[in-house]
Amino acid sequence: MSNIVFNQAKGRVNEYVARVAGNDPANSALVLVILKTAEADATLQDYDTLGALLAAGGGTTNVEADFTNYARKVLDNTVITAPTVDDTGNEQYSDFPDQTYTAAGGAANNTTAKLIVCYDPDTTGGTDSTLIPLTAHDFVVTTDGSDIIARPPANGFFGAT
């Protein structure tokens, strides 16, 4: 499960995931962003956009990873499925498949801190100021040129009960 849900997304994470799964709007996606430094969760959850989150740190906190071969992962409707409804457990889960960052680091390495899952309503024209952060997860890894994997828990990256 998520370590935190951003205030802007509370009550809406599964809705955003369902929109991506349904390609509504077209070109919507989840975007995975790795931070190498991050503010405390209590502060982090208050940002309404990825742009605000990245700008707030002034270059010392909330700094995006820059290890060799790093790129944001964009997960569209070909990868994301609708949230899973569990009538037995009375819960609803959203998930994404494991994401591999191949040959992460090596020439330039980072020790990472957080994985941020964002909603992008338009991957063709969106900017960091239109990406809505949904959840943040502890993701402490030191890159060394090996593959690293962002692996959500068995019940998904987000669950609502």
N, C-alpha and C. Protein backbone atom coordinates (compact mmCIF):
# COMPACT_ATOMS: atom_id res chain seq x y z
N MET A 1 0.83 -1.19 0.00
CA MET A 1 0.00 0.00 0.00
C MET A 1 0.87 1.24 0.00
N SER A 2 0.23 2.33 -0.17
CA SER A 2 0.98 3.59 -0.22
C SER A 2 1.40 4.01 1.18
N ASN A 3 2.52 4.71 1.24
CA ASN A 3 2.94 5.29 2.51
C ASN A 3 2.10 6.52 2.81
N ILE A 4 1.85 7.34 1.76
CA ILE A 4 0.95 8.48 1.94
C ILE A 4 0.10 8.65 0.68
N VAL A 5 -1.04 9.24 0.89
CA VAL A 5 -1.89 9.69 -0.21
C VAL A 5 -1.86 11.21 -0.15
N PHE A 6 -1.59 11.85 -1.28
CA PHE A 6 -1.57 13.31 -1.31
C PHE A 6 -2.97 13.84 -1.06
N ASN A 7 -3.05 14.93 -0.30
CA ASN A 7 -4.35 15.51 0.05
C ASN A 7 -5.20 15.78 -1.19
N GLN A 8 -4.57 16.26 -2.25
CA GLN A 8 -5.26 16.59 -3.50
C GLN A 8 -5.97 15.36 -4.09
N ALA A 9 -5.45 14.16 -3.80
CA ALA A 9 -5.97 12.94 -4.42
C ALA A 9 -6.83 12.08 -3.49
N LYS A 10 -6.94 12.47 -2.23
CA LYS A 10 -7.71 11.65 -1.29
C LYS A 10 -9.13 11.47 -1.79
N GLY A 11 -9.57 10.23 -1.80
CA GLY A 11 -10.90 9.89 -2.27
C GLY A 11 -11.00 9.78 -3.78
N ARG A 12 -9.87 9.98 -4.51
CA ARG A 12 -9.95 10.00 -5.97
C ARG A 12 -8.93 9.10 -6.65
N VAL A 13 -8.04 8.45 -5.93
CA VAL A 13 -6.98 7.65 -6.56
C VAL A 13 -7.58 6.60 -7.48
N ASN A 14 -8.53 5.81 -6.99
CA ASN A 14 -9.12 4.77 -7.83
C ASN A 14 -9.85 5.37 -9.04
N GLU A 15 -10.43 6.54 -8.88
CA GLU A 15 -11.08 7.22 -10.00
C GLU A 15 -10.06 7.55 -11.08
N TYR A 16 -8.93 8.11 -10.69
CA TYR A 16 -7.89 8.45 -11.66
C TYR A 16 -7.36 7.19 -12.37
N VAL A 17 -7.16 6.13 -11.62
CA VAL A 17 -6.68 4.87 -12.22
C VAL A 17 -7.71 4.34 -13.21
N ALA A 18 -8.99 4.39 -12.85
CA ALA A 18 -10.04 3.92 -13.76
C ALA A 18 -10.07 4.77 -15.03
N ARG A 19 -9.81 6.05 -14.90
CA ARG A 19 -9.78 6.93 -16.09
C ARG A 19 -8.64 6.53 -17.02
N VAL A 20 -7.48 6.26 -16.46
CA VAL A 20 -6.36 5.82 -17.30
C VAL A 20 -6.70 4.50 -17.96
N ALA A 21 -7.23 3.56 -17.20
CA ALA A 21 -7.58 2.24 -17.75
C ALA A 21 -8.58 2.37 -18.89
N GLY A 22 -9.51 3.32 -18.76
CA GLY A 22 -10.54 3.52 -19.78
C GLY A 22 -10.13 4.48 -20.89
N ASN A 23 -8.89 4.96 -20.84
CA ASN A 23 -8.39 5.92 -21.84
C ASN A 23 -9.29 7.15 -21.93
N ASP A 24 -9.72 7.63 -20.73
CA ASP A 24 -10.63 8.77 -20.65
C ASP A 24 -10.10 9.78 -19.64
N PRO A 25 -9.49 10.83 -20.11
CA PRO A 25 -9.37 11.24 -21.51
C PRO A 25 -8.25 10.47 -22.22
N ALA A 26 -8.33 10.52 -23.55
CA ALA A 26 -7.27 9.90 -24.34
C ALA A 26 -5.94 10.52 -23.93
N ASN A 27 -4.91 9.71 -23.94
CA ASN A 27 -3.55 10.13 -23.59
C ASN A 27 -3.33 10.36 -22.10
N SER A 28 -4.28 9.94 -21.25
CA SER A 28 -4.04 10.02 -19.81
C SER A 28 -3.15 8.84 -19.41
N ALA A 29 -2.44 9.01 -18.30
CA ALA A 29 -1.52 7.96 -17.85
C ALA A 29 -1.17 8.18 -16.39
N LEU A 30 -0.63 7.14 -15.78
CA LEU A 30 0.05 7.28 -14.51
C LEU A 30 1.53 7.49 -14.83
N VAL A 31 2.18 8.34 -14.08
CA VAL A 31 3.59 8.62 -14.28
C VAL A 31 4.32 8.34 -12.97
N LEU A 32 5.36 7.50 -13.04
CA LEU A 32 6.16 7.19 -11.87
C LEU A 32 7.40 8.07 -11.85
N VAL A 33 7.61 8.76 -10.74
CA VAL A 33 8.73 9.67 -10.57
C VAL A 33 9.50 9.23 -9.32
N ILE A 34 10.80 9.10 -9.45
CA ILE A 34 11.65 8.74 -8.30
C ILE A 34 12.33 9.99 -7.78
N LEU A 35 12.28 10.16 -6.47
CA LEU A 35 12.98 11.26 -5.81
C LEU A 35 14.21 10.72 -5.10
N LYS A 36 15.31 11.48 -5.18
CA LYS A 36 16.50 11.07 -4.42
C LYS A 36 16.56 11.76 -3.06
N THR A 37 15.79 12.82 -2.89
CA THR A 37 15.59 13.42 -1.57
C THR A 37 14.13 13.82 -1.47
N ALA A 38 13.60 13.81 -0.26
CA ALA A 38 12.19 14.14 -0.09
C ALA A 38 11.96 14.73 1.29
N GLU A 39 11.02 15.66 1.35
CA GLU A 39 10.59 16.22 2.63
C GLU A 39 9.85 15.15 3.43
N ALA A 40 9.57 15.46 4.67
CA ALA A 40 8.79 14.57 5.52
C ALA A 40 7.41 14.35 4.90
N ASP A 41 6.85 13.18 5.11
CA ASP A 41 5.54 12.84 4.54
C ASP A 41 4.47 13.87 4.88
N ALA A 42 4.49 14.39 6.11
CA ALA A 42 3.47 15.35 6.54
C ALA A 42 3.52 16.63 5.69
N THR A 43 4.68 16.98 5.20
CA THR A 43 4.83 18.15 4.33
C THR A 43 4.56 17.76 2.89
N LEU A 44 5.11 16.63 2.49
CA LEU A 44 5.01 16.18 1.10
C LEU A 44 3.56 16.06 0.64
N GLN A 45 2.69 15.55 1.48
CA GLN A 45 1.30 15.28 1.08
C GLN A 45 0.50 16.53 0.77
N ASP A 46 1.02 17.69 1.09
CA ASP A 46 0.28 18.93 0.88
C ASP A 46 0.40 19.50 -0.54
N TYR A 47 1.32 18.99 -1.35
CA TYR A 47 1.52 19.54 -2.69
C TYR A 47 0.42 19.07 -3.64
N ASP A 48 -0.09 20.01 -4.44
CA ASP A 48 -1.20 19.72 -5.34
C ASP A 48 -0.75 19.29 -6.73
N THR A 49 0.49 19.63 -7.11
CA THR A 49 1.01 19.23 -8.42
C THR A 49 2.45 18.77 -8.26
N LEU A 50 2.91 18.00 -9.21
CA LEU A 50 4.31 17.57 -9.20
C LEU A 50 5.22 18.78 -9.34
N GLY A 51 4.82 19.75 -10.16
CA GLY A 51 5.62 20.96 -10.32
C GLY A 51 5.83 21.69 -9.00
N ALA A 52 4.78 21.83 -8.21
CA ALA A 52 4.89 22.49 -6.91
C ALA A 52 5.79 21.69 -5.97
N LEU A 53 5.64 20.37 -6.00
CA LEU A 53 6.45 19.50 -5.15
C LEU A 53 7.93 19.65 -5.48
N LEU A 54 8.28 19.60 -6.76
CA LEU A 54 9.68 19.69 -7.17
C LEU A 54 10.25 21.08 -6.91
N ALA A 55 9.45 22.12 -7.10
CA ALA A 55 9.93 23.49 -6.90
C ALA A 55 10.12 23.83 -5.43
N ALA A 56 9.34 23.22 -4.57
CA ALA A 56 9.34 23.59 -3.15
C ALA A 56 10.67 23.31 -2.47
N GLY A 57 11.37 22.32 -2.92
CA GLY A 57 12.60 21.94 -2.25
C GLY A 57 13.77 22.86 -2.51
N GLY A 58 13.64 23.75 -3.48
CA GLY A 58 14.72 24.68 -3.77
C GLY A 58 16.01 24.00 -4.18
N GLY A 59 15.90 22.80 -4.72
CA GLY A 59 17.08 22.09 -5.18
C GLY A 59 17.78 21.26 -4.11
N THR A 60 17.27 21.29 -2.88
CA THR A 60 17.89 20.51 -1.82
C THR A 60 17.01 19.37 -1.32
N THR A 61 15.69 19.55 -1.38
CA THR A 61 14.78 18.45 -1.05
C THR A 61 13.81 18.29 -2.22
N ASN A 62 13.14 17.16 -2.27
CA ASN A 62 12.22 16.84 -3.36
C ASN A 62 12.95 16.94 -4.70
N VAL A 63 14.11 16.33 -4.74
CA VAL A 63 14.94 16.36 -5.94
C VAL A 63 14.74 15.06 -6.71
N GLU A 64 14.40 15.21 -7.99
CA GLU A 64 14.17 14.04 -8.83
C GLU A 64 15.48 13.30 -9.10
N ALA A 65 15.38 11.99 -9.19
CA ALA A 65 16.54 11.16 -9.48
C ALA A 65 17.18 11.56 -10.81
N ASP A 66 18.47 11.33 -10.90
CA ASP A 66 19.19 11.61 -12.15
C ASP A 66 20.27 10.56 -12.40
N PHE A 67 20.07 9.35 -11.88
CA PHE A 67 21.05 8.30 -12.11
C PHE A 67 21.07 7.90 -13.58
N THR A 68 22.15 7.31 -14.00
CA THR A 68 22.29 6.87 -15.38
C THR A 68 21.13 5.96 -15.76
N ASN A 69 20.52 6.22 -16.90
CA ASN A 69 19.40 5.47 -17.47
C ASN A 69 18.06 5.72 -16.78
N TYR A 70 17.99 6.75 -15.93
CA TYR A 70 16.71 7.09 -15.31
C TYR A 70 15.82 7.84 -16.29
N ALA A 71 14.58 7.45 -16.31
CA ALA A 71 13.54 8.19 -17.02
C ALA A 71 12.23 7.89 -16.29
N ARG A 72 11.33 8.85 -16.29
CA ARG A 72 10.02 8.61 -15.70
C ARG A 72 9.32 7.49 -16.46
N LYS A 73 8.58 6.68 -15.73
CA LYS A 73 7.78 5.62 -16.35
C LYS A 73 6.38 6.17 -16.61
N VAL A 74 5.90 6.02 -17.82
CA VAL A 74 4.57 6.48 -18.22
C VAL A 74 3.73 5.23 -18.48
N LEU A 75 2.69 5.05 -17.66
CA LEU A 75 1.86 3.85 -17.72
C LEU A 75 0.48 4.23 -18.21
N ASP A 76 0.17 3.85 -19.44
CA ASP A 76 -1.11 4.23 -20.05
C ASP A 76 -2.11 3.07 -20.00
N ASN A 77 -3.19 3.21 -20.74
CA ASN A 77 -4.26 2.22 -20.70
C ASN A 77 -3.85 0.86 -21.26
N THR A 78 -2.71 0.76 -21.92
CA THR A 78 -2.24 -0.55 -22.39
C THR A 78 -1.58 -1.33 -21.26
N VAL A 79 -1.30 -0.64 -20.15
CA VAL A 79 -0.61 -1.26 -19.01
C VAL A 79 -1.49 -1.27 -17.77
N ILE A 80 -2.27 -0.23 -17.58
CA ILE A 80 -3.08 -0.07 -16.36
C ILE A 80 -4.45 -0.70 -16.56
N THR A 81 -4.88 -1.43 -15.55
CA THR A 81 -6.23 -2.01 -15.57
C THR A 81 -7.09 -1.28 -14.53
N ALA A 82 -8.39 -1.43 -14.68
CA ALA A 82 -9.33 -0.80 -13.75
C ALA A 82 -9.08 -1.32 -12.34
N PRO A 83 -9.41 -0.53 -11.34
CA PRO A 83 -9.26 -1.00 -9.95
C PRO A 83 -10.00 -2.32 -9.72
N THR A 84 -9.45 -3.13 -8.84
CA THR A 84 -10.04 -4.41 -8.49
C THR A 84 -10.99 -4.23 -7.31
N VAL A 85 -12.21 -4.71 -7.46
CA VAL A 85 -13.19 -4.65 -6.39
C VAL A 85 -13.21 -6.00 -5.68
N ASP A 86 -13.00 -5.98 -4.38
CA ASP A 86 -12.99 -7.18 -3.56
C ASP A 86 -14.23 -7.14 -2.65
N ASP A 87 -15.31 -7.80 -3.09
CA ASP A 87 -16.54 -7.78 -2.32
C ASP A 87 -16.43 -8.60 -1.03
N THR A 88 -15.54 -9.58 -1.01
CA THR A 88 -15.36 -10.38 0.21
C THR A 88 -14.66 -9.56 1.28
N GLY A 89 -13.58 -8.87 0.88
CA GLY A 89 -12.84 -8.06 1.84
C GLY A 89 -13.34 -6.63 1.95
N ASN A 90 -14.35 -6.30 1.12
CA ASN A 90 -14.94 -4.96 1.12
C ASN A 90 -13.89 -3.87 0.89
N GLU A 91 -13.09 -4.08 -0.15
CA GLU A 91 -12.04 -3.15 -0.49
C GLU A 91 -11.96 -2.96 -2.00
N GLN A 92 -11.23 -1.93 -2.42
CA GLN A 92 -10.98 -1.70 -3.83
C GLN A 92 -9.50 -1.33 -3.96
N TYR A 93 -8.80 -2.00 -4.90
CA TYR A 93 -7.37 -1.82 -5.05
C TYR A 93 -7.02 -1.31 -6.44
N SER A 94 -5.98 -0.48 -6.49
CA SER A 94 -5.38 -0.07 -7.76
C SER A 94 -3.95 -0.55 -7.79
N ASP A 95 -3.51 -0.96 -8.97
CA ASP A 95 -2.19 -1.57 -9.09
C ASP A 95 -1.54 -1.15 -10.39
N PHE A 96 -0.27 -1.37 -10.48
CA PHE A 96 0.47 -1.29 -11.73
C PHE A 96 1.46 -2.45 -11.73
N PRO A 97 1.84 -2.93 -12.91
CA PRO A 97 2.80 -4.04 -12.94
C PRO A 97 4.17 -3.57 -12.48
N ASP A 98 4.97 -4.52 -12.02
CA ASP A 98 6.35 -4.21 -11.64
C ASP A 98 7.02 -3.43 -12.76
N GLN A 99 7.79 -2.42 -12.38
CA GLN A 99 8.49 -1.59 -13.35
C GLN A 99 9.99 -1.70 -13.13
N THR A 100 10.71 -2.11 -14.17
CA THR A 100 12.16 -2.29 -14.09
C THR A 100 12.88 -1.09 -14.67
N TYR A 101 13.82 -0.59 -13.92
CA TYR A 101 14.73 0.45 -14.39
C TYR A 101 16.03 -0.28 -14.72
N THR A 102 16.26 -0.50 -16.00
CA THR A 102 17.36 -1.33 -16.48
C THR A 102 18.69 -0.59 -16.34
N ALA A 103 19.68 -1.30 -15.83
CA ALA A 103 21.04 -0.76 -15.67
C ALA A 103 21.00 0.60 -14.98
N ALA A 104 20.34 0.65 -13.84
CA ALA A 104 20.16 1.90 -13.10
C ALA A 104 21.46 2.32 -12.44
N GLY A 105 21.95 3.45 -12.86
CA GLY A 105 23.19 3.96 -12.29
C GLY A 105 24.40 3.40 -13.01
N GLY A 106 25.48 3.33 -12.29
CA GLY A 106 26.75 2.90 -12.88
C GLY A 106 27.64 4.11 -13.04
N ALA A 107 27.46 4.86 -14.11
CA ALA A 107 28.26 6.07 -14.33
C ALA A 107 27.87 7.16 -13.34
N ALA A 108 26.57 7.37 -13.14
CA ALA A 108 26.06 8.33 -12.14
C ALA A 108 25.06 7.59 -11.27
N ASN A 109 25.29 7.60 -9.98
CA ASN A 109 24.45 6.85 -9.05
C ASN A 109 23.69 7.77 -8.11
N ASN A 110 22.57 7.26 -7.59
CA ASN A 110 21.78 7.94 -6.57
C ASN A 110 21.42 6.95 -5.48
N THR A 111 21.19 7.46 -4.29
CA THR A 111 20.44 6.73 -3.27
C THR A 111 19.08 7.38 -3.27
N THR A 112 18.06 6.60 -3.58
CA THR A 112 16.73 7.16 -3.76
C THR A 112 15.96 7.17 -2.44
N ALA A 113 14.86 7.92 -2.42
CA ALA A 113 14.07 8.08 -1.21
C ALA A 113 12.60 7.71 -1.40
N LYS A 114 11.98 8.20 -2.48
CA LYS A 114 10.54 8.02 -2.68
C LYS A 114 10.22 7.71 -4.13
N LEU A 115 9.14 6.96 -4.31
CA LEU A 115 8.53 6.75 -5.61
C LEU A 115 7.18 7.46 -5.56
N ILE A 116 6.98 8.41 -6.46
CA ILE A 116 5.74 9.17 -6.51
C ILE A 116 4.92 8.68 -7.70
N VAL A 117 3.66 8.34 -7.46
CA VAL A 117 2.73 7.95 -8.53
C VAL A 117 1.85 9.17 -8.82
N CYS A 118 1.90 9.64 -10.06
CA CYS A 118 1.14 10.82 -10.47
C CYS A 118 0.12 10.46 -11.54
N TYR A 119 -0.89 11.28 -11.64
CA TYR A 119 -1.88 11.19 -12.72
C TYR A 119 -1.59 12.32 -13.70
N ASP A 120 -1.47 11.95 -14.98
CA ASP A 120 -1.26 12.93 -16.05
C ASP A 120 -2.48 12.87 -16.96
N PRO A 121 -3.27 13.95 -17.02
CA PRO A 121 -4.46 13.93 -17.85
C PRO A 121 -4.17 14.00 -19.35
N ASP A 122 -2.93 14.35 -19.72
CA ASP A 122 -2.60 14.48 -21.14
C ASP A 122 -1.10 14.35 -21.35
N THR A 123 -0.66 13.16 -21.69
CA THR A 123 0.77 12.92 -21.87
C THR A 123 1.35 13.64 -23.08
N THR A 124 0.49 14.12 -23.99
CA THR A 124 1.01 14.80 -25.17
C THR A 124 1.26 16.28 -24.92
N GLY A 125 0.66 16.85 -23.90
CA GLY A 125 0.83 18.27 -23.67
C GLY A 125 0.98 18.64 -22.22
N GLY A 126 0.97 17.66 -21.35
CA GLY A 126 1.05 17.94 -19.93
C GLY A 126 2.44 18.38 -19.51
N THR A 127 2.48 19.09 -18.40
CA THR A 127 3.74 19.51 -17.80
C THR A 127 3.69 19.12 -16.33
N ASP A 128 4.80 19.31 -15.63
CA ASP A 128 4.81 18.99 -14.20
C ASP A 128 3.72 19.74 -13.44
N SER A 129 3.32 20.90 -13.94
CA SER A 129 2.28 21.68 -13.26
C SER A 129 0.89 21.10 -13.46
N THR A 130 0.73 20.14 -14.37
CA THR A 130 -0.58 19.50 -14.56
C THR A 130 -0.59 18.07 -14.03
N LEU A 131 0.55 17.55 -13.59
CA LEU A 131 0.59 16.21 -13.01
C LEU A 131 0.13 16.27 -11.56
N ILE A 132 -0.84 15.42 -11.22
CA ILE A 132 -1.39 15.37 -9.88
C ILE A 132 -0.74 14.22 -9.12
N PRO A 133 0.01 14.51 -8.06
CA PRO A 133 0.59 13.42 -7.28
C PRO A 133 -0.51 12.67 -6.53
N LEU A 134 -0.50 11.36 -6.65
CA LEU A 134 -1.52 10.53 -6.00
C LEU A 134 -1.00 9.91 -4.71
N THR A 135 0.10 9.17 -4.82
CA THR A 135 0.65 8.48 -3.66
C THR A 135 2.17 8.60 -3.67
N ALA A 136 2.77 8.46 -2.49
CA ALA A 136 4.22 8.43 -2.35
C ALA A 136 4.59 7.19 -1.54
N HIS A 137 5.63 6.52 -1.98
CA HIS A 137 6.06 5.26 -1.37
C HIS A 137 7.54 5.33 -1.03
N ASP A 138 7.91 4.84 0.14
CA ASP A 138 9.33 4.73 0.44
C ASP A 138 9.96 3.84 -0.62
N PHE A 139 11.05 4.30 -1.19
CA PHE A 139 11.75 3.56 -2.24
C PHE A 139 13.23 3.86 -2.08
N VAL A 140 13.83 3.19 -1.10
CA VAL A 140 15.23 3.44 -0.76
C VAL A 140 16.09 2.38 -1.44
N VAL A 141 16.80 2.84 -2.46
CA VAL A 141 17.66 1.97 -3.26
C VAL A 141 18.91 2.78 -3.59
N THR A 142 20.05 2.12 -3.58
CA THR A 142 21.27 2.75 -4.07
C THR A 142 21.62 2.12 -5.41
N THR A 143 21.67 2.94 -6.43
CA THR A 143 21.94 2.43 -7.76
C THR A 143 23.43 2.13 -7.92
N ASP A 144 23.71 1.13 -8.77
CA ASP A 144 25.11 0.76 -9.03
C ASP A 144 25.30 0.18 -10.42
N GLY A 145 24.32 0.39 -11.29
CA GLY A 145 24.39 -0.17 -12.63
C GLY A 145 23.55 -1.43 -12.79
N SER A 146 23.04 -1.95 -11.68
CA SER A 146 22.16 -3.12 -11.73
C SER A 146 20.73 -2.66 -11.98
N ASP A 147 19.87 -3.59 -12.38
CA ASP A 147 18.45 -3.28 -12.52
C ASP A 147 17.84 -3.03 -11.14
N ILE A 148 16.91 -2.09 -11.07
CA ILE A 148 16.09 -1.93 -9.87
C ILE A 148 14.64 -2.06 -10.30
N ILE A 149 13.82 -2.55 -9.38
CA ILE A 149 12.42 -2.82 -9.70
C ILE A 149 11.51 -2.10 -8.71
N ALA A 150 10.57 -1.35 -9.26
CA ALA A 150 9.50 -0.77 -8.45
C ALA A 150 8.39 -1.81 -8.43
N ARG A 151 8.20 -2.44 -7.27
CA ARG A 151 7.26 -3.55 -7.14
C ARG A 151 6.21 -3.22 -6.09
N PRO A 152 4.97 -2.93 -6.55
CA PRO A 152 3.92 -2.64 -5.57
C PRO A 152 3.58 -3.90 -4.75
N PRO A 153 3.01 -3.71 -3.57
CA PRO A 153 2.56 -4.86 -2.79
C PRO A 153 1.54 -5.72 -3.55
N ALA A 154 1.31 -6.92 -3.08
CA ALA A 154 0.40 -7.86 -3.75
C ALA A 154 -0.98 -7.26 -3.97
N ASN A 155 -1.45 -6.43 -3.05
CA ASN A 155 -2.78 -5.83 -3.18
C ASN A 155 -2.76 -4.47 -3.85
N GLY A 156 -1.67 -4.13 -4.53
CA GLY A 156 -1.62 -2.90 -5.29
C GLY A 156 -0.95 -1.76 -4.57
N PHE A 157 -0.77 -0.65 -5.29
CA PHE A 157 -0.11 0.52 -4.73
C PHE A 157 -1.08 1.37 -3.91
N PHE A 158 -2.39 1.13 -4.07
CA PHE A 158 -3.38 1.89 -3.33
C PHE A 158 -4.58 1.01 -3.05
N GLY A 159 -5.15 1.17 -1.88
CA GLY A 159 -6.36 0.44 -1.52
C GLY A 159 -7.31 1.33 -0.74
N ALA A 160 -8.59 1.14 -0.97
CA ALA A 160 -9.62 1.88 -0.25
C ALA A 160 -10.54 0.88 0.43
N THR A 161 -10.82 1.15 1.68
CA THR A 161 -11.71 0.25 2.42
C THR A 161 -12.96 0.99 2.85
